[in-house]
Protein backbone atom coordinates (compact mmCIF):
# COMPACT_ATOMS: atom_id res chain seq x y z
CA UNK A 1 -16.16 5.63 -14.11
CA UNK A 2 -13.84 5.29 -11.61
CA UNK A 3 -11.46 8.36 -11.14
CA UNK A 4 -9.01 6.75 -8.65
CA UNK A 5 -6.38 4.40 -9.96
CA UNK A 6 -6.23 1.16 -8.28
CA UNK A 7 -2.97 1.39 -7.22
CA UNK A 8 -3.91 4.37 -4.81
CA UNK A 9 -6.95 2.57 -3.78
CA UNK A 10 -4.41 -0.20 -2.75
CA UNK A 11 -1.97 2.25 -0.87
CA UNK A 12 -5.20 3.95 0.87
CA UNK A 13 -6.42 0.49 1.82
CA UNK A 14 -3.04 -0.93 3.24
CA UNK A 15 -2.52 2.22 5.23
CA UNK A 16 -5.64 2.33 6.86
CA UNK A 17 -5.67 -1.25 7.45
CA UNK A 18 -2.25 -0.95 9.06
CA UNK A 19 -3.03 1.94 11.26
CA UNK A 20 -6.15 -0.02 12.59
CA UNK A 21 -4.03 -3.56 13.53
CA UNK A 22 -1.41 -1.09 14.98
CA UNK A 23 -4.10 1.01 16.99
CA UNK A 24 -5.71 -2.81 18.04
CA UNK A 25 -2.35 -3.84 18.73
CA UNK A 26 -1.41 -0.87 21.12
CA UNK A 27 -4.99 -1.23 22.67
CA UNK A 28 -3.79 -5.30 23.75
CA UNK A 29 -0.57 -3.51 25.01
CA UNK A 30 -2.36 -0.92 27.49
CA UNK A 31 -5.11 -3.97 28.86
CA UNK A 32 -1.88 -5.86 29.43
CA UNK A 33 -1.24 -3.34 31.81
CA UNK A 34 -4.52 -2.79 33.43
CA UNK A 35 -4.15 -6.23 35.83
CA UNK A 36 -1.51 -4.44 38.06
CA UNK A 37 -3.79 -1.72 38.14
CA UNK A 38 -6.64 -3.78 39.49
CA UNK A 39 -4.14 -5.37 41.97
CA UNK A 40 -3.25 -2.28 43.10
CA UNK A 41 -6.63 -1.64 44.04
CA UNK A 42 -7.12 -4.34 46.40
CA UNK A 43 -7.30 -2.98 50.04
CA UNK A 44 -5.17 -4.42 52.72
CA UNK A 45 -6.88 -7.28 54.83
CA UNK A 46 -8.76 -6.11 57.82
CA UNK A 47 -9.92 -3.07 55.94
CA UNK A 48 -13.25 -1.47 54.94
CA UNK A 49 -13.69 -1.73 51.43
CA UNK A 50 -13.65 1.95 49.85
CA UNK A 51 -13.49 1.81 46.28
CA UNK A 52 -16.39 2.27 44.03
CA UNK A 53 -16.44 -1.01 42.20
CA UNK A 54 -15.12 -4.37 43.89
CA UNK A 55 -11.96 -6.25 42.46
CA UNK A 56 -14.00 -9.05 41.02
CA UNK A 57 -15.81 -6.87 39.18
CA UNK A 58 -13.00 -5.01 37.63
CA UNK A 59 -11.27 -8.00 36.51
CA UNK A 60 -14.60 -9.42 34.69
CA UNK A 61 -14.88 -6.05 33.12
CA UNK A 62 -11.05 -6.54 32.31
CA UNK A 63 -11.61 -10.29 30.76
CA UNK A 64 -14.57 -9.03 28.79
CA UNK A 65 -12.74 -6.10 27.11
CA UNK A 66 -9.62 -8.17 26.25
CA UNK A 67 -12.04 -11.07 24.74
CA UNK A 68 -13.87 -8.58 22.75
CA UNK A 69 -10.72 -7.04 21.69
CA UNK A 70 -9.42 -10.19 20.55
CA UNK A 71 -12.99 -11.32 18.56
CA UNK A 72 -12.39 -7.89 16.94
CA UNK A 73 -8.90 -8.56 16.19
CA UNK A 74 -9.93 -12.03 14.52
CA UNK A 75 -12.69 -10.47 12.49
CA UNK A 76 -10.28 -7.97 10.95
CA UNK A 77 -7.88 -10.88 9.96
CA UNK A 78 -10.68 -12.44 8.19
CA UNK A 79 -11.38 -9.65 5.63
CA UNK A 80 -7.55 -8.12 5.51
CA UNK A 81 -7.66 -8.78 2.09
CA UNK A 82 -10.88 -6.88 1.35
CA UNK A 83 -10.22 -4.16 3.75
CA UNK A 84 -6.54 -3.59 2.08
CA UNK A 85 -8.28 -4.16 -1.74
CA UNK A 86 -10.68 -1.21 -0.97
CA UNK A 87 -10.82 2.35 0.02
CA UNK A 88 -12.62 2.89 3.52
CA UNK A 89 -13.75 5.22 5.91
CA UNK A 90 -14.47 5.41 9.68
CA UNK A 91 -17.57 7.81 9.88
C-alpha cells in the first residue's frame, strides 16, 4: 500500500530534478570560466616553468571534465520522465 499520493511524488521528483539540472548548468558555467584561469597560469616566455601541472595537462583535464559533464547531462535528459515521475534521493 502506497501512503504517498502521486501528486506529492511528482512534485518531489520534479523539484529534485530541477535542482539537479540547475546544479549541472551551474557547474557548466563554472567550467567555462576555468579557461581564463588556465591561460593565466601560462608563464611568460623565457622563464622557468614553476607550476605543479603543465598547461597542456590542465587543458586536457578541463576538456575531460566538460565532456563528462555533457555526457551526464545527456543521461539526465534521457531519463527525465523517470526522474520526475518517481521519488528519488541521493545517498
